[in-house]
Amino acid sequence: MNRRKFTKDVSKLVSTGIVLSSGQFMAACDNDDGVAPEGTLSLQIEEEAELVVGENFAIKWVSSGIEKVDLAYKIDQAANYLTFQREVDANTGQFDFTVPNNINGTTLTFRISNSVTGDVLAEGSPINLIFKWLISLSETEALNNVGGFVKITEVNNPFIVRKTGADSFIALSLVCTHQGCVIGVEDNGSFRCPCHGSTFTDAGAVTQGPAERPLDNFRIEQPDADNLVIYYF
């Protein structure tokens, strides 16, 4: 039996999530020349994982019988993967990946291949990309008073940041959850979609359809008294 073909077949079973009993696995390994598989690997990434642009993300795996691996990713539904690291020692079980600042997309999917054979060992599920926007309060007069707001429109997913209390803020997407039109801000702080008439409260809740889902609410952190960090997607 061809060793390379056998290894590729077993790798496909592992990477697609098919679970074999010990008996089934031994039967799959049974071959004329007695050659055992070269090794296996599985990704260990949490389902709720997020990739924050500019920050490190630990790509983890569990492997057996593999010496070196190549790491690659693809953006959204791209046809091809980009290899970003070659010949990583598989025994480390982890690689700290810095999410590039210049990525233009919404998700990344990771793939790990055998450096020697080139066979794909594991391919993960798409992971959401989270972007960061920094606001200096001392340089943003609109946020000095409760009710004041700024609109961030030079991004793929425009949003608004509003001061809701003495030390509290809210960040809401300006993209309608019905069909993706950019919504406007009314004089009373609520929102209206110019395309199909959906309306939302100043906190993003739906008050009139056809939209059924509230506006996306982005996480805000305040590392110090002068700065806000908005994590948007």
Protein backbone atom coordinates (compact mmCIF):
# COMPACT_ATOMS: atom_id res chain seq x y z
CA MET A 1 0.00 0.00 0.00
CA ASN A 2 1.23 3.51 -0.86
CA ARG A 3 2.43 5.18 2.35
CA ARG A 4 1.66 8.73 1.22
CA LYS A 5 -1.86 7.87 0.06
CA PHE A 6 -2.57 6.02 3.30
CA THR A 7 -1.41 8.98 5.43
CA LYS A 8 -3.53 11.40 3.41
CA ASP A 9 -6.64 9.22 3.77
CA VAL A 10 -6.28 8.97 7.55
CA SER A 11 -5.60 12.73 7.81
CA LYS A 12 -8.83 13.43 5.97
CA LEU A 13 -10.75 11.31 8.46
CA VAL A 14 -9.25 13.21 11.39
CA SER A 15 -9.59 16.73 9.96
CA THR A 16 -13.23 16.24 9.01
CA GLY A 17 -14.15 15.15 12.51
CA ILE A 18 -15.04 11.49 11.81
CA VAL A 19 -14.65 9.48 15.00
CA LEU A 20 -13.44 5.90 14.71
CA SER A 21 -13.65 3.23 17.37
CA SER A 22 -10.40 1.47 18.21
CA GLY A 23 -11.49 -1.51 16.14
CA GLN A 24 -12.40 0.62 13.16
CA PHE A 25 -9.13 2.51 13.43
CA MET A 26 -7.09 -0.70 13.49
CA ALA A 27 -9.02 -1.93 10.49
CA ALA A 28 -8.29 1.31 8.69
CA CYS A 29 -4.61 0.91 9.52
CA ASP A 30 -4.48 -2.68 8.31
CA ASN A 31 -2.50 -2.81 5.10
CA ASP A 32 -0.33 -5.18 3.14
CA ASP A 33 3.07 -3.71 3.97
CA GLY A 34 2.41 -3.10 7.66
CA VAL A 35 3.16 0.64 7.42
CA ALA A 36 1.61 2.69 10.24
CA PRO A 37 0.25 6.20 9.70
CA GLU A 38 2.81 9.00 9.95
CA GLY A 39 0.83 10.94 12.56
CA THR A 40 -2.28 12.92 13.40
CA LEU A 41 -3.10 16.44 14.56
CA SER A 42 -6.23 18.23 15.75
CA LEU A 43 -6.78 21.94 16.34
CA GLN A 44 -7.76 23.03 19.86
CA ILE A 45 -9.59 26.35 19.36
CA GLU A 46 -12.63 27.35 21.41
CA GLU A 47 -15.91 27.83 19.55
CA GLU A 48 -16.35 31.38 20.87
CA ALA A 49 -12.80 32.48 20.00
CA GLU A 50 -12.24 35.98 18.57
CA LEU A 51 -9.29 37.49 16.73
CA VAL A 52 -8.51 41.05 17.84
CA VAL A 53 -6.52 42.93 15.20
CA GLY A 54 -3.05 43.85 16.42
CA GLU A 55 -3.13 41.40 19.34
CA ASN A 56 -1.72 37.91 19.83
CA PHE A 57 -3.86 34.80 19.40
CA ALA A 58 -2.68 31.36 20.53
CA ILE A 59 -3.21 28.71 17.85
CA LYS A 60 -3.21 25.42 19.78
CA TRP A 61 -3.19 21.81 18.66
CA VAL A 62 -2.61 18.26 19.83
CA SER A 63 -0.44 16.06 17.63
CA SER A 64 1.16 12.63 17.53
CA GLY A 65 3.93 11.44 15.24
CA ILE A 66 4.37 14.83 13.53
CA GLU A 67 7.71 16.67 13.56
CA LYS A 68 7.18 19.96 11.73
CA VAL A 69 4.05 21.81 10.60
CA ASP A 70 3.23 24.75 8.34
CA LEU A 71 0.59 27.27 9.42
CA ALA A 72 -1.71 29.14 7.03
CA TYR A 73 -4.89 31.20 7.04
CA LYS A 74 -7.51 32.39 4.57
CA ILE A 75 -9.67 35.51 4.76
CA ASP A 76 -13.44 35.03 4.60
CA GLN A 77 -14.31 32.66 1.73
CA ALA A 78 -11.06 33.07 -0.22
CA ALA A 79 -10.11 30.14 -2.43
CA ASN A 80 -6.46 30.05 -1.33
CA TYR A 81 -4.62 29.96 1.98
CA LEU A 82 -1.64 32.17 2.85
CA THR A 83 1.17 30.34 4.64
CA PHE A 84 2.53 32.62 7.35
CA GLN A 85 4.86 30.26 9.25
CA ARG A 86 6.79 27.18 8.09
CA GLU A 87 8.42 24.29 9.90
CA VAL A 88 7.04 24.95 13.38
CA ASP A 89 8.00 22.28 15.91
CA ALA A 90 4.77 20.28 16.26
CA ASN A 91 5.68 19.19 19.80
CA THR A 92 5.20 22.75 21.09
CA GLY A 93 1.46 22.41 20.49
CA GLN A 94 1.04 26.16 20.11
CA PHE A 95 1.96 29.17 18.00
CA ASP A 96 1.40 32.79 19.06
CA PHE A 97 -0.06 34.52 16.02
CA THR A 98 -0.19 38.32 15.84
CA VAL A 99 -3.33 39.33 13.94
CA PRO A 100 -2.21 41.75 11.16
CA ASN A 101 -3.48 45.32 11.35
CA ASN A 102 -4.06 45.56 7.60
CA ILE A 103 -6.46 42.64 7.20
CA ASN A 104 -9.55 43.50 5.17
CA GLY A 105 -12.20 40.94 6.00
CA THR A 106 -14.54 39.61 8.67
CA THR A 107 -13.14 36.14 9.47
CA LEU A 108 -9.95 34.07 9.38
CA THR A 109 -9.74 30.30 9.01
CA PHE A 110 -6.57 28.50 10.08
CA ARG A 111 -5.05 25.41 8.45
CA ILE A 112 -2.14 23.23 9.57
CA SER A 113 -0.16 21.07 7.15
CA ASN A 114 2.67 18.56 7.46
CA SER A 115 5.89 20.39 6.54
CA VAL A 116 7.42 17.21 5.10
CA THR A 117 4.58 15.75 3.04
CA GLY A 118 2.48 18.87 2.47
CA ASP A 119 -0.64 16.99 3.55
CA VAL A 120 -3.35 19.00 5.30
CA LEU A 121 -3.62 17.80 8.89
CA ALA A 122 -6.38 20.06 10.21
CA GLU A 123 -8.56 22.95 9.09
CA GLY A 124 -10.49 25.05 11.59
CA SER A 125 -13.76 26.93 11.42
CA PRO A 126 -13.94 30.65 10.54
CA ILE A 127 -13.10 32.93 13.50
CA ASN A 128 -14.52 36.46 13.70
CA LEU A 129 -12.15 39.40 13.34
CA ILE A 130 -12.51 42.19 15.90
CA PHE A 131 -11.12 45.65 15.13
CA LYS A 132 -10.14 48.42 17.57
CA TRP A 133 -10.90 52.13 17.43
CA LEU A 134 -9.25 54.55 19.89
CA ILE A 135 -10.89 57.78 21.08
CA SER A 136 -9.17 60.45 23.14
CA LEU A 137 -11.83 62.12 25.29
CA SER A 138 -9.75 65.26 25.79
CA GLU A 139 -9.68 65.69 22.00
CA THR A 140 -13.37 64.83 21.42
CA GLU A 141 -15.54 67.70 22.67
CA ALA A 142 -18.75 66.01 21.50
CA LEU A 143 -18.35 63.45 24.28
CA ASN A 144 -17.95 66.00 27.08
CA ASN A 145 -21.68 66.07 27.88
CA VAL A 146 -24.26 63.34 28.47
CA GLY A 147 -26.13 62.70 25.24
CA GLY A 148 -23.26 63.86 23.06
CA PHE A 149 -22.03 61.51 20.37
CA VAL A 150 -19.54 60.98 17.56
CA LYS A 151 -20.06 58.96 14.40
CA ILE A 152 -17.23 56.78 13.09
CA THR A 153 -17.92 56.34 9.39
CA GLU A 154 -14.50 55.65 7.84
CA VAL A 155 -14.70 51.91 8.61
CA ASN A 156 -16.47 48.96 6.96
CA ASN A 157 -19.03 48.82 9.77
CA PRO A 158 -19.77 52.45 10.77
CA PHE A 159 -20.85 53.08 14.36
CA ILE A 160 -21.75 55.75 16.88
CA VAL A 161 -20.29 56.36 20.33
CA ARG A 162 -22.58 58.21 22.76
CA LYS A 163 -22.03 59.40 26.32
CA THR A 164 -24.85 57.95 28.44
CA GLY A 165 -23.75 59.03 31.93
CA ALA A 166 -21.03 60.78 33.86
CA ASP A 167 -18.62 57.90 33.25
CA SER A 168 -20.53 55.65 30.85
CA PHE A 169 -20.63 55.29 27.07
CA ILE A 170 -22.35 53.11 24.47
CA ALA A 171 -21.14 52.12 20.99
CA LEU A 172 -23.75 51.00 18.45
CA SER A 173 -23.45 49.91 14.84
CA LEU A 174 -25.02 52.25 12.30
CA VAL A 175 -25.84 49.34 9.99
CA CYS A 176 -29.51 48.34 9.95
CA THR A 177 -30.06 44.73 10.97
CA HIS A 178 -32.75 44.32 8.28
CA GLN A 179 -30.79 44.55 5.03
CA GLY A 180 -27.60 46.40 5.91
CA CYS A 181 -28.42 50.02 5.05
CA VAL A 182 -26.58 52.74 6.98
CA ILE A 183 -29.04 54.35 9.38
CA GLY A 184 -29.41 57.97 10.44
CA VAL A 185 -29.48 59.56 13.88
CA GLU A 186 -32.67 61.48 14.81
CA ASP A 187 -32.72 64.69 16.88
CA ASN A 188 -33.87 62.77 19.97
CA GLY A 189 -30.98 60.30 19.70
CA SER A 190 -32.99 57.44 18.20
CA PHE A 191 -32.23 55.87 14.82
CA ARG A 192 -34.15 55.50 11.55
CA CYS A 193 -33.30 53.44 8.48
CA PRO A 194 -33.75 55.42 5.24
CA CYS A 195 -34.26 52.28 3.14
CA HIS A 196 -37.26 50.51 4.68
CA GLY A 197 -38.26 52.62 7.68
CA SER A 198 -37.03 50.53 10.62
CA THR A 199 -36.55 52.56 13.79
CA PHE A 200 -34.50 51.96 16.94
CA THR A 201 -34.22 53.54 20.38
CA ASP A 202 -31.09 55.44 21.42
CA ALA A 203 -29.97 52.14 23.01
CA GLY A 204 -30.44 50.22 19.75
CA ALA A 205 -33.70 48.35 20.49
CA VAL A 206 -36.16 47.90 17.61
CA THR A 207 -39.27 50.10 17.83
CA GLN A 208 -40.56 49.55 14.29
CA GLY A 209 -39.86 46.87 11.69
CA PRO A 210 -39.14 45.33 9.30
CA ALA A 211 -35.91 44.94 11.32
CA GLU A 212 -36.30 42.26 14.00
CA ARG A 213 -32.91 42.38 15.70
CA PRO A 214 -31.43 45.28 17.73
CA LEU A 215 -28.40 47.19 16.52
CA ASP A 216 -25.06 45.54 17.25
CA ASN A 217 -23.65 46.81 20.54
CA PHE A 218 -19.86 47.01 20.52
CA ARG A 219 -17.69 46.43 23.58
CA ILE A 220 -16.02 49.50 25.08
CA GLU A 221 -13.03 49.57 27.42
CA GLN A 222 -11.66 52.63 29.23
CA PRO A 223 -8.02 51.93 30.13
CA ASP A 224 -7.65 55.37 31.71
CA ALA A 225 -9.59 58.58 32.28
CA ASP A 226 -8.82 60.01 28.85
CA ASN A 227 -9.14 57.10 26.44
CA LEU A 228 -11.82 54.79 25.09
CA VAL A 229 -11.19 51.60 23.11
CA ILE A 230 -14.07 50.36 20.96
CA TYR A 231 -13.97 46.77 19.71
CA TYR A 232 -16.04 46.56 16.55
CA PHE A 233 -16.55 43.94 13.83
